[in-house]
Amino acid sequence: MNPTPALLAIGAVLLGGFAVRDLLRQEPEQAPGRNQPRRAEAIDVLGLKERIRRAGLEDVLEPRVVLLAKGSIAAIGTIFGSLFAGILPGRIAPLVLIAVAVGGFILPDFTLERAARRRHRRMVAALPDVLDLLAVSVQTGRGLGGCLLDLAGSGRGPLIWEMSRAGDDMVWGSGQAAALEGLRRRIGGTEITSFVSTLERSRRLGSPLADQLRRQSATLRQDQHRAIEEEAARAAPKIQLVIALILVPSVLLLIVAALAANADSLINVGY
């Protein structure tokens, strides 16, 4: 019997136990100093804080919790894989266990990235409506910061929250350029970059902002409609392929089964 899988599983459990003890240890309160920032930076070496922020889970998750989940899933995967390592060749079993451990370790990263992409799609889809609301608010003569804050009362969603955050930054004196740059950096994408550029151009040149926002909103809606039409056009061949490979053979099998079941009567009719 090859002892390597068992040793790897035991090592994973021990490392996971040390990680849990380190992450959940209660530290005594102390004045802010050099040790605390270094600990925070050490926890965010893998960029977990940025992934959590992009996924919109800042109020739900902390980097240490995600790191704990990564280590736990890797340890559980290694233990579960060791149960079936006996049926694998001796040289392949350690590689399979290592692959399972690595896959368990990066699984939370894929989950956060998927949530971030879904959140970004929601924000891009809601951008035209938000631009129309902002155009109406701008026409009242209020400042851009106040207009962005007013969006919080007109709806919900990640884009409204990000816009309100930018407006709050402007109201509290961080400056329009810095607040818009923070908005562009937090959301990302060509649509938000174009929106920020429109606001900056209006601020520098003094051009009417409401008309520019409406034009950009109309352009975004046209792009979304075009994307939907292209997706529908790509779906048609896929539907035809499913019909050709699944439905047609299924119908033919039913016909063949009916003919086979009534073969005797068909032969007697022939005679």
C-alpha atoms as a PDB file:
ATOM      1  CA  MET A   1       0.000   0.000   0.000  1.00  0.00           C
ATOM      2  CA  ASN A   2       1.339   3.406  -0.987  1.00  0.00           C
ATOM      3  CA  PRO A   3       1.520   5.681   2.108  1.00  0.00           C
ATOM      4  CA  THR A   4       1.959   8.888   0.057  1.00  0.00           C
ATOM      5  CA  PRO A   5      -1.769   9.800  -0.241  1.00  0.00           C
ATOM      6  CA  ALA A   6      -2.286   9.328   3.500  1.00  0.00           C
ATOM      7  CA  LEU A   7       0.751  11.468   4.310  1.00  0.00           C
ATOM      8  CA  LEU A   8      -0.464  14.220   1.969  1.00  0.00           C
ATOM      9  CA  ALA A   9      -3.914  14.140   3.554  1.00  0.00           C
ATOM     10  CA  ILE A  10      -2.450  14.342   7.063  1.00  0.00           C
ATOM     11  CA  GLY A  11      -0.216  17.228   6.000  1.00  0.00           C
ATOM     12  CA  ALA A  12      -3.192  19.080   4.517  1.00  0.00           C
ATOM     13  CA  VAL A  13      -5.169  18.646   7.735  1.00  0.00           C
ATOM     14  CA  LEU A  14      -2.278  19.909   9.852  1.00  0.00           C
ATOM     15  CA  LEU A  15      -1.715  22.938   7.629  1.00  0.00           C
ATOM     16  CA  GLY A  16      -5.428  23.682   7.644  1.00  0.00           C
ATOM     17  CA  GLY A  17      -5.494  23.473  11.434  1.00  0.00           C
ATOM     18  CA  PHE A  18      -2.595  25.893  11.768  1.00  0.00           C
ATOM     19  CA  ALA A  19      -4.298  28.281   9.320  1.00  0.00           C
ATOM     20  CA  VAL A  20      -7.568  28.170  11.270  1.00  0.00           C
ATOM     21  CA  ARG A  21      -5.749  28.784  14.547  1.00  0.00           C
ATOM     22  CA  ASP A  22      -3.846  31.734  13.067  1.00  0.00           C
ATOM     23  CA  LEU A  23      -6.867  33.328  11.412  1.00  0.00           C
ATOM     24  CA  LEU A  24      -9.255  32.940  14.334  1.00  0.00           C
ATOM     25  CA  ARG A  25      -6.815  33.859  17.056  1.00  0.00           C
ATOM     26  CA  GLN A  26      -7.994  36.789  19.161  1.00  0.00           C
ATOM     27  CA  GLU A  27      -5.296  39.448  19.320  1.00  0.00           C
ATOM     28  CA  PRO A  28      -5.058  41.899  22.201  1.00  0.00           C
ATOM     29  CA  GLU A  29      -6.094  45.447  21.451  1.00  0.00           C
ATOM     30  CA  GLN A  30      -3.170  47.737  20.812  1.00  0.00           C
ATOM     31  CA  ALA A  31      -2.548  51.161  19.429  1.00  0.00           C
ATOM     32  CA  PRO A  32      -2.251  51.423  15.631  1.00  0.00           C
ATOM     33  CA  GLY A  33       1.320  50.760  14.631  1.00  0.00           C
ATOM     34  CA  ARG A  34       3.417  49.067  12.048  1.00  0.00           C
ATOM     35  CA  ASN A  35       2.312  45.530  12.848  1.00  0.00           C
ATOM     36  CA  GLN A  36      -1.362  45.998  12.038  1.00  0.00           C
ATOM     37  CA  PRO A  37      -0.922  47.379   8.498  1.00  0.00           C
ATOM     38  CA  ARG A  38       1.588  44.654   7.748  1.00  0.00           C
ATOM     39  CA  ARG A  39      -0.883  41.998   8.895  1.00  0.00           C
ATOM     40  CA  ALA A  40      -3.621  43.467   6.702  1.00  0.00           C
ATOM     41  CA  GLU A  41      -1.269  43.549   3.737  1.00  0.00           C
ATOM     42  CA  ALA A  42      -0.181  39.967   4.400  1.00  0.00           C
ATOM     43  CA  ILE A  43      -3.785  38.789   4.342  1.00  0.00           C
ATOM     44  CA  ASP A  44      -4.432  40.581   1.028  1.00  0.00           C
ATOM     45  CA  VAL A  45      -1.345  39.251  -0.762  1.00  0.00           C
ATOM     46  CA  LEU A  46      -3.610  37.227  -3.089  1.00  0.00           C
ATOM     47  CA  GLY A  47      -5.747  40.255  -3.985  1.00  0.00           C
ATOM     48  CA  LEU A  48      -8.754  38.950  -2.072  1.00  0.00           C
ATOM     49  CA  LYS A  49      -9.879  42.403  -0.965  1.00  0.00           C
ATOM     50  CA  GLU A  50     -10.078  43.631  -4.554  1.00  0.00           C
ATOM     51  CA  ARG A  51     -11.999  40.538  -5.667  1.00  0.00           C
ATOM     52  CA  ILE A  52     -14.465  40.926  -2.807  1.00  0.00           C
ATOM     53  CA  ARG A  53     -14.961  44.596  -3.686  1.00  0.00           C
ATOM     54  CA  ARG A  54     -15.575  43.827  -7.375  1.00  0.00           C
ATOM     55  CA  ALA A  55     -18.107  41.191  -6.373  1.00  0.00           C
ATOM     56  CA  GLY A  56     -19.955  43.730  -4.198  1.00  0.00           C
ATOM     57  CA  LEU A  57     -19.493  41.695  -1.005  1.00  0.00           C
ATOM     58  CA  GLU A  58     -17.500  44.168   1.066  1.00  0.00           C
ATOM     59  CA  ASP A  59     -20.147  44.208   3.804  1.00  0.00           C
ATOM     60  CA  VAL A  60     -20.467  40.404   3.822  1.00  0.00           C
ATOM     61  CA  LEU A  61     -16.991  38.903   3.457  1.00  0.00           C
ATOM     62  CA  GLU A  62     -13.538  39.670   4.719  1.00  0.00           C
ATOM     63  CA  PRO A  63     -10.257  38.550   3.135  1.00  0.00           C
ATOM     64  CA  ARG A  64      -9.449  36.342   6.137  1.00  0.00           C
ATOM     65  CA  VAL A  65     -12.777  34.514   5.763  1.00  0.00           C
ATOM     66  CA  VAL A  66     -12.124  33.829   2.076  1.00  0.00           C
ATOM     67  CA  LEU A  67      -8.583  32.695   2.874  1.00  0.00           C
ATOM     68  CA  LEU A  68      -9.973  30.352   5.515  1.00  0.00           C
ATOM     69  CA  ALA A  69     -12.472  28.959   2.994  1.00  0.00           C
ATOM     70  CA  LYS A  70      -9.696  28.420   0.451  1.00  0.00           C
ATOM     71  CA  GLY A  71      -7.593  26.446   2.913  1.00  0.00           C
ATOM     72  CA  SER A  72     -10.555  24.443   4.199  1.00  0.00           C
ATOM     73  CA  ILE A  73     -11.754  23.464   0.732  1.00  0.00           C
ATOM     74  CA  ALA A  74      -8.225  22.453  -0.265  1.00  0.00           C
ATOM     75  CA  ALA A  75      -7.860  20.293   2.858  1.00  0.00           C
ATOM     76  CA  ILE A  76     -11.293  18.685   2.444  1.00  0.00           C
ATOM     77  CA  GLY A  77     -10.601  18.000  -1.226  1.00  0.00           C
ATOM     78  CA  THR A  78      -7.285  16.365  -0.376  1.00  0.00           C
ATOM     79  CA  ILE A  79      -8.877  14.177   2.288  1.00  0.00           C
ATOM     80  CA  PHE A  80     -11.740  13.183  -0.021  1.00  0.00           C
ATOM     81  CA  GLY A  81      -9.312  12.448  -2.863  1.00  0.00           C
ATOM     82  CA  SER A  82      -7.137  10.284  -0.634  1.00  0.00           C
ATOM     83  CA  LEU A  83     -10.082   7.926  -0.151  1.00  0.00           C
ATOM     84  CA  PHE A  84      -9.980   7.052  -3.851  1.00  0.00           C
ATOM     85  CA  ALA A  85      -6.219   7.266  -4.304  1.00  0.00           C
ATOM     86  CA  GLY A  86      -5.858   3.529  -3.764  1.00  0.00           C
ATOM     87  CA  ILE A  87      -7.401   2.719  -7.146  1.00  0.00           C
ATOM     88  CA  LEU A  88      -4.945   4.982  -8.987  1.00  0.00           C
ATOM     89  CA  PRO A  89      -1.413   4.053 -10.014  1.00  0.00           C
ATOM     90  CA  GLY A  90       1.235   4.943  -7.470  1.00  0.00           C
ATOM     91  CA  ARG A  91       2.810   7.725  -9.541  1.00  0.00           C
ATOM     92  CA  ILE A  92      -0.472   9.359 -10.530  1.00  0.00           C
ATOM     93  CA  ALA A  93      -2.114   9.418  -7.081  1.00  0.00           C
ATOM     94  CA  PRO A  94       0.089  12.199  -5.596  1.00  0.00           C
ATOM     95  CA  LEU A  95      -0.396  14.340  -8.717  1.00  0.00           C
ATOM     96  CA  VAL A  96      -4.168  13.889  -8.525  1.00  0.00           C
ATOM     97  CA  LEU A  97      -4.207  14.849  -4.849  1.00  0.00           C
ATOM     98  CA  ILE A  98      -2.104  17.938  -5.515  1.00  0.00           C
ATOM     99  CA  ALA A  99      -4.405  18.915  -8.391  1.00  0.00           C
ATOM    100  CA  VAL A 100      -7.476  18.484  -6.167  1.00  0.00           C
ATOM    101  CA  ALA A 101      -5.891  20.595  -3.432  1.00  0.00           C
ATOM    102  CA  VAL A 102      -4.947  23.352  -5.882  1.00  0.00           C
ATOM    103  CA  GLY A 103      -8.415  23.275  -7.433  1.00  0.00           C
ATOM    104  CA  GLY A 104     -10.038  23.582  -4.007  1.00  0.00           C
ATOM    105  CA  PHE A 105      -7.736  26.468  -3.131  1.00  0.00           C
ATOM    106  CA  ILE A 106      -8.628  28.509  -6.225  1.00  0.00           C
ATOM    107  CA  LEU A 107     -12.345  27.599  -6.272  1.00  0.00           C
ATOM    108  CA  PRO A 108     -13.379  30.640  -4.124  1.00  0.00           C
ATOM    109  CA  ASP A 109     -11.465  32.892  -6.540  1.00  0.00           C
ATOM    110  CA  PHE A 110     -13.517  31.601  -9.467  1.00  0.00           C
ATOM    111  CA  THR A 111     -16.710  32.075  -7.452  1.00  0.00           C
ATOM    112  CA  LEU A 112     -15.849  35.691  -6.619  1.00  0.00           C
ATOM    113  CA  GLU A 113     -14.825  36.411 -10.211  1.00  0.00           C
ATOM    114  CA  ARG A 114     -18.101  35.017 -11.509  1.00  0.00           C
ATOM    115  CA  ALA A 115     -20.043  37.173  -9.042  1.00  0.00           C
ATOM    116  CA  ALA A 116     -17.993  40.211 -10.118  1.00  0.00           C
ATOM    117  CA  ARG A 117     -18.758  39.620 -13.806  1.00  0.00           C
ATOM    118  CA  ARG A 118     -22.465  39.187 -13.070  1.00  0.00           C
ATOM    119  CA  ARG A 119     -22.485  42.399 -11.020  1.00  0.00           C
ATOM    120  CA  HIS A 120     -20.704  44.300 -13.809  1.00  0.00           C
ATOM    121  CA  ARG A 121     -23.244  43.100 -16.388  1.00  0.00           C
ATOM    122  CA  ARG A 122     -26.060  44.333 -14.136  1.00  0.00           C
ATOM    123  CA  MET A 123     -24.449  47.750 -13.867  1.00  0.00           C
ATOM    124  CA  VAL A 124     -23.911  48.062 -17.625  1.00  0.00           C
ATOM    125  CA  ALA A 125     -27.517  47.002 -18.285  1.00  0.00           C
ATOM    126  CA  ALA A 126     -28.837  49.625 -15.831  1.00  0.00           C
ATOM    127  CA  LEU A 127     -26.587  52.434 -17.097  1.00  0.00           C
ATOM    128  CA  PRO A 128     -28.956  53.877 -19.792  1.00  0.00           C
ATOM    129  CA  ASP A 129     -31.821  54.325 -17.302  1.00  0.00           C
ATOM    130  CA  VAL A 130     -29.464  55.876 -14.750  1.00  0.00           C
ATOM    131  CA  LEU A 131     -28.156  58.299 -17.375  1.00  0.00           C
ATOM    132  CA  ASP A 132     -31.708  59.411 -18.193  1.00  0.00           C
ATOM    133  CA  LEU A 133     -32.463  60.011 -14.522  1.00  0.00           C
ATOM    134  CA  LEU A 134     -29.203  61.903 -14.117  1.00  0.00           C
ATOM    135  CA  ALA A 135     -29.974  64.063 -17.151  1.00  0.00           C
ATOM    136  CA  VAL A 136     -33.319  65.066 -15.641  1.00  0.00           C
ATOM    137  CA  SER A 137     -31.664  65.864 -12.309  1.00  0.00           C
ATOM    138  CA  VAL A 138     -28.902  67.905 -13.956  1.00  0.00           C
ATOM    139  CA  GLN A 139     -31.462  70.102 -15.696  1.00  0.00           C
ATOM    140  CA  THR A 140     -32.689  71.325 -12.317  1.00  0.00           C
ATOM    141  CA  GLY A 141     -29.424  73.209 -11.860  1.00  0.00           C
ATOM    142  CA  ARG A 142     -28.057  71.236  -8.938  1.00  0.00           C
ATOM    143  CA  GLY A 143     -24.416  70.249  -8.685  1.00  0.00           C
ATOM    144  CA  LEU A 144     -23.229  66.927  -9.993  1.00  0.00           C
ATOM    145  CA  GLY A 145     -22.552  65.583  -6.508  1.00  0.00           C
ATOM    146  CA  GLY A 146     -26.085  66.307  -5.346  1.00  0.00           C
ATOM    147  CA  CYS A 147     -27.537  64.827  -8.528  1.00  0.00           C
ATOM    148  CA  LEU A 148     -25.594  61.610  -7.981  1.00  0.00           C
ATOM    149  CA  LEU A 149     -26.827  61.447  -4.396  1.00  0.00           C
ATOM    150  CA  ASP A 150     -30.418  61.907  -5.578  1.00  0.00           C
ATOM    151  CA  LEU A 151     -30.128  58.682  -7.555  1.00  0.00           C
ATOM    152  CA  ALA A 152     -30.195  56.721  -4.287  1.00  0.00           C
ATOM    153  CA  GLY A 153     -33.863  57.594  -3.874  1.00  0.00           C
ATOM    154  CA  SER A 154     -34.814  56.579  -7.430  1.00  0.00           C
ATOM    155  CA  GLY A 155     -33.945  52.911  -7.290  1.00  0.00           C
ATOM    156  CA  ARG A 156     -31.644  50.188  -6.076  1.00  0.00           C
ATOM    157  CA  GLY A 157     -28.815  48.176  -7.471  1.00  0.00           C
ATOM    158  CA  PRO A 158     -25.020  48.149  -7.582  1.00  0.00           C
ATOM    159  CA  LEU A 159     -24.786  50.986 -10.112  1.00  0.00           C
ATOM    160  CA  ILE A 160     -27.002  53.284  -8.026  1.00  0.00           C
ATOM    161  CA  TRP A 161     -24.873  52.491  -4.995  1.00  0.00           C
ATOM    162  CA  GLU A 162     -21.618  53.255  -6.831  1.00  0.00           C
ATOM    163  CA  MET A 163     -23.015  56.510  -8.234  1.00  0.00           C
ATOM    164  CA  SER A 164     -24.221  57.582  -4.803  1.00  0.00           C
ATOM    165  CA  ARG A 165     -20.804  56.781  -3.376  1.00  0.00           C
ATOM    166  CA  ALA A 166     -19.175  59.030  -5.980  1.00  0.00           C
ATOM    167  CA  GLY A 167     -21.662  61.797  -5.185  1.00  0.00           C
ATOM    168  CA  ASP A 168     -20.922  61.440  -1.485  1.00  0.00           C
ATOM    169  CA  ASP A 169     -17.203  61.798  -2.216  1.00  0.00           C
ATOM    170  CA  MET A 170     -17.883  65.006  -4.143  1.00  0.00           C
ATOM    171  CA  VAL A 171     -20.089  66.468  -1.422  1.00  0.00           C
ATOM    172  CA  TRP A 172     -17.499  65.786   1.258  1.00  0.00           C
ATOM    173  CA  GLY A 173     -14.790  67.612  -0.646  1.00  0.00           C
ATOM    174  CA  SER A 174     -12.686  64.964  -2.394  1.00  0.00           C
ATOM    175  CA  GLY A 175     -13.086  66.784  -5.718  1.00  0.00           C
ATOM    176  CA  GLN A 176     -15.043  65.862  -8.818  1.00  0.00           C
ATOM    177  CA  ALA A 177     -12.029  64.577 -10.751  1.00  0.00           C
ATOM    178  CA  ALA A 178     -10.915  62.293  -7.913  1.00  0.00           C
ATOM    179  CA  ALA A 179     -14.469  61.041  -7.268  1.00  0.00           C
ATOM    180  CA  LEU A 180     -15.060  60.251 -10.945  1.00  0.00           C
ATOM    181  CA  GLU A 181     -11.692  58.531 -11.224  1.00  0.00           C
ATOM    182  CA  GLY A 182     -12.614  56.395  -8.227  1.00  0.00           C
ATOM    183  CA  LEU A 183     -15.939  55.552  -9.879  1.00  0.00           C
ATOM    184  CA  ARG A 184     -14.187  54.550 -13.111  1.00  0.00           C
ATOM    185  CA  ARG A 185     -11.644  52.434 -11.233  1.00  0.00           C
ATOM    186  CA  ARG A 186     -14.248  50.644  -9.106  1.00  0.00           C
ATOM    187  CA  ILE A 187     -16.574  49.713 -11.974  1.00  0.00           C
ATOM    188  CA  GLY A 188     -14.324  49.551 -15.018  1.00  0.00           C
ATOM    189  CA  GLY A 189     -15.390  48.908 -18.587  1.00  0.00           C
ATOM    190  CA  THR A 190     -15.663  51.072 -21.694  1.00  0.00           C
ATOM    191  CA  GLU A 191     -19.198  52.233 -20.874  1.00  0.00           C
ATOM    192  CA  ILE A 192     -18.253  53.736 -17.515  1.00  0.00           C
ATOM    193  CA  THR A 193     -15.048  55.184 -18.961  1.00  0.00           C
ATOM    194  CA  SER A 194     -17.093  56.961 -21.649  1.00  0.00           C
ATOM    195  CA  PHE A 195     -19.530  58.233 -19.004  1.00  0.00           C
ATOM    196  CA  VAL A 196     -16.704  59.613 -16.843  1.00  0.00           C
ATOM    197  CA  SER A 197     -15.107  61.223 -19.897  1.00  0.00           C
ATOM    198  CA  THR A 198     -18.418  62.930 -20.705  1.00  0.00           C
ATOM    199  CA  LEU A 199     -18.656  64.374 -17.206  1.00  0.00           C
ATOM    200  CA  GLU A 200     -15.058  65.557 -17.257  1.00  0.00           C
ATOM    201  CA  ARG A 201     -15.463  67.134 -20.710  1.00  0.00           C
ATOM    202  CA  SER A 202     -18.576  68.958 -19.564  1.00  0.00           C
ATOM    203  CA  ARG A 203     -16.771  70.214 -16.460  1.00  0.00           C
ATOM    204  CA  ARG A 204     -13.780  71.529 -18.396  1.00  0.00           C
ATOM    205  CA  LEU A 205     -15.583  73.009 -21.402  1.00  0.00           C
ATOM    206  CA  GLY A 206     -18.871  73.990 -19.793  1.00  0.00           C
ATOM    207  CA  SER A 207     -20.931  72.182 -22.430  1.00  0.00           C
ATOM    208  CA  PRO A 208     -24.560  71.170 -21.688  1.00  0.00           C
ATOM    209  CA  LEU A 209     -24.422  67.911 -19.770  1.00  0.00           C
ATOM    210  CA  ALA A 210     -28.047  66.767 -20.020  1.00  0.00           C
ATOM    211  CA  ASP A 211     -28.011  66.485 -23.825  1.00  0.00           C
ATOM    212  CA  GLN A 212     -24.739  64.554 -23.775  1.00  0.00           C
ATOM    213  CA  LEU A 213     -26.100  62.127 -21.192  1.00  0.00           C
ATOM    214  CA  ARG A 214     -29.233  61.515 -23.269  1.00  0.00           C
ATOM    215  CA  ARG A 215     -27.177  60.882 -26.402  1.00  0.00           C
ATOM    216  CA  GLN A 216     -24.948  58.471 -24.560  1.00  0.00           C
ATOM    217  CA  SER A 217     -28.001  56.724 -23.107  1.00  0.00           C
ATOM    218  CA  ALA A 218     -29.488  56.299 -26.580  1.00  0.00           C
ATOM    219  CA  THR A 219     -26.198  54.958 -27.904  1.00  0.00           C
ATOM    220  CA  LEU A 220     -25.951  52.428 -25.079  1.00  0.00           C
ATOM    221  CA  ARG A 221     -29.500  51.219 -25.728  1.00  0.00           C
ATOM    222  CA  GLN A 222     -28.729  50.755 -29.407  1.00  0.00           C
ATOM    223  CA  ASP A 223     -25.617  48.768 -28.513  1.00  0.00           C
ATOM    224  CA  GLN A 224     -27.599  46.595 -26.108  1.00  0.00           C
ATOM    225  CA  HIS A 225     -30.313  45.953 -28.700  1.00  0.00           C
ATOM    226  CA  ARG A 226     -27.646  45.052 -31.254  1.00  0.00           C
ATOM    227  CA  ALA A 227     -26.007  42.664 -28.788  1.00  0.00           C
ATOM    228  CA  ILE A 228     -29.368  40.985 -28.093  1.00  0.00           C
ATOM    229  CA  GLU A 229     -30.040  40.567 -31.824  1.00  0.00           C
ATOM    230  CA  GLU A 230     -26.584  39.090 -32.382  1.00  0.00           C
ATOM    231  CA  GLU A 231     -27.073  36.675 -29.501  1.00  0.00           C
ATOM    232  CA  ALA A 232     -30.445  35.630 -30.903  1.00  0.00           C
ATOM    233  CA  ALA A 233     -28.873  35.112 -34.324  1.00  0.00           C
ATOM    234  CA  ARG A 234     -26.188  32.890 -32.792  1.00  0.00           C
ATOM    235  CA  ALA A 235     -28.849  30.912 -30.913  1.00  0.00           C
ATOM    236  CA  ALA A 236     -30.696  29.843 -34.087  1.00  0.00           C
ATOM    237  CA  PRO A 237     -27.942  27.490 -35.407  1.00  0.00           C
ATOM    238  CA  LYS A 238     -27.582  25.989 -31.935  1.00  0.00           C
ATOM    239  CA  ILE A 239     -31.302  25.216 -31.820  1.00  0.00           C
ATOM    240  CA  GLN A 240     -31.121  23.629 -35.273  1.00  0.00           C
ATOM    241  CA  LEU A 241     -28.150  21.540 -34.163  1.00  0.00           C
ATOM    242  CA  VAL A 242     -30.074  20.289 -31.120  1.00  0.00           C
ATOM    243  CA  ILE A 243     -33.041  19.392 -33.357  1.00  0.00           C
ATOM    244  CA  ALA A 244     -30.802  17.566 -35.839  1.00  0.00           C
ATOM    245  CA  LEU A 245     -28.827  15.620 -33.244  1.00  0.00           C
ATOM    246  CA  ILE A 246     -31.490  14.852 -30.621  1.00  0.00           C
ATOM    247  CA  LEU A 247     -35.080  15.342 -31.767  1.00  0.00           C
ATOM    248  CA  VAL A 248     -34.809  13.831 -35.245  1.00  0.00           C
ATOM    249  CA  PRO A 249     -32.983  10.665 -34.072  1.00  0.00           C
ATOM    250  CA  SER A 250     -35.513  10.319 -31.243  1.00  0.00           C
ATOM    251  CA  VAL A 251     -38.431  10.398 -33.680  1.00  0.00           C
ATOM    252  CA  LEU A 252     -36.669   7.930 -35.969  1.00  0.00           C
ATOM    253  CA  LEU A 253     -36.073   5.569 -33.043  1.00  0.00           C
ATOM    254  CA  LEU A 254     -39.770   5.694 -32.180  1.00  0.00           C
ATOM    255  CA  ILE A 255     -40.687   4.823 -35.764  1.00  0.00           C
ATOM    256  CA  VAL A 256     -38.161   1.972 -35.841  1.00  0.00           C
ATOM    257  CA  ALA A 257     -39.432   0.657 -32.490  1.00  0.00           C
ATOM    258  CA  ALA A 258     -43.034   0.724 -33.772  1.00  0.00           C
ATOM    259  CA  LEU A 259     -42.032  -1.113 -36.948  1.00  0.00           C
ATOM    260  CA  ALA A 260     -40.073  -3.706 -34.947  1.00  0.00           C
ATOM    261  CA  ALA A 261     -42.994  -4.277 -32.575  1.00  0.00           C
ATOM    262  CA  ASN A 262     -45.403  -4.873 -35.485  1.00  0.00           C
ATOM    263  CA  ALA A 263     -42.968  -6.753 -37.733  1.00  0.00           C
ATOM    264  CA  ASP A 264     -44.986 -10.011 -37.613  1.00  0.00           C
ATOM    265  CA  SER A 265     -48.249  -8.378 -38.688  1.00  0.00           C
ATOM    266  CA  LEU A 266     -46.491  -6.477 -41.487  1.00  0.00           C
ATOM    267  CA  ILE A 267     -44.930  -9.698 -42.814  1.00  0.00           C
ATOM    268  CA  ASN A 268     -48.279 -11.536 -42.705  1.00  0.00           C
ATOM    269  CA  VAL A 269     -49.924  -8.710 -44.616  1.00  0.00           C
ATOM    270  CA  GLY A 270     -47.266  -9.089 -47.275  1.00  0.00           C
ATOM    271  CA  TYR A 271     -48.135 -12.717 -47.731  1.00  0.00           C
END
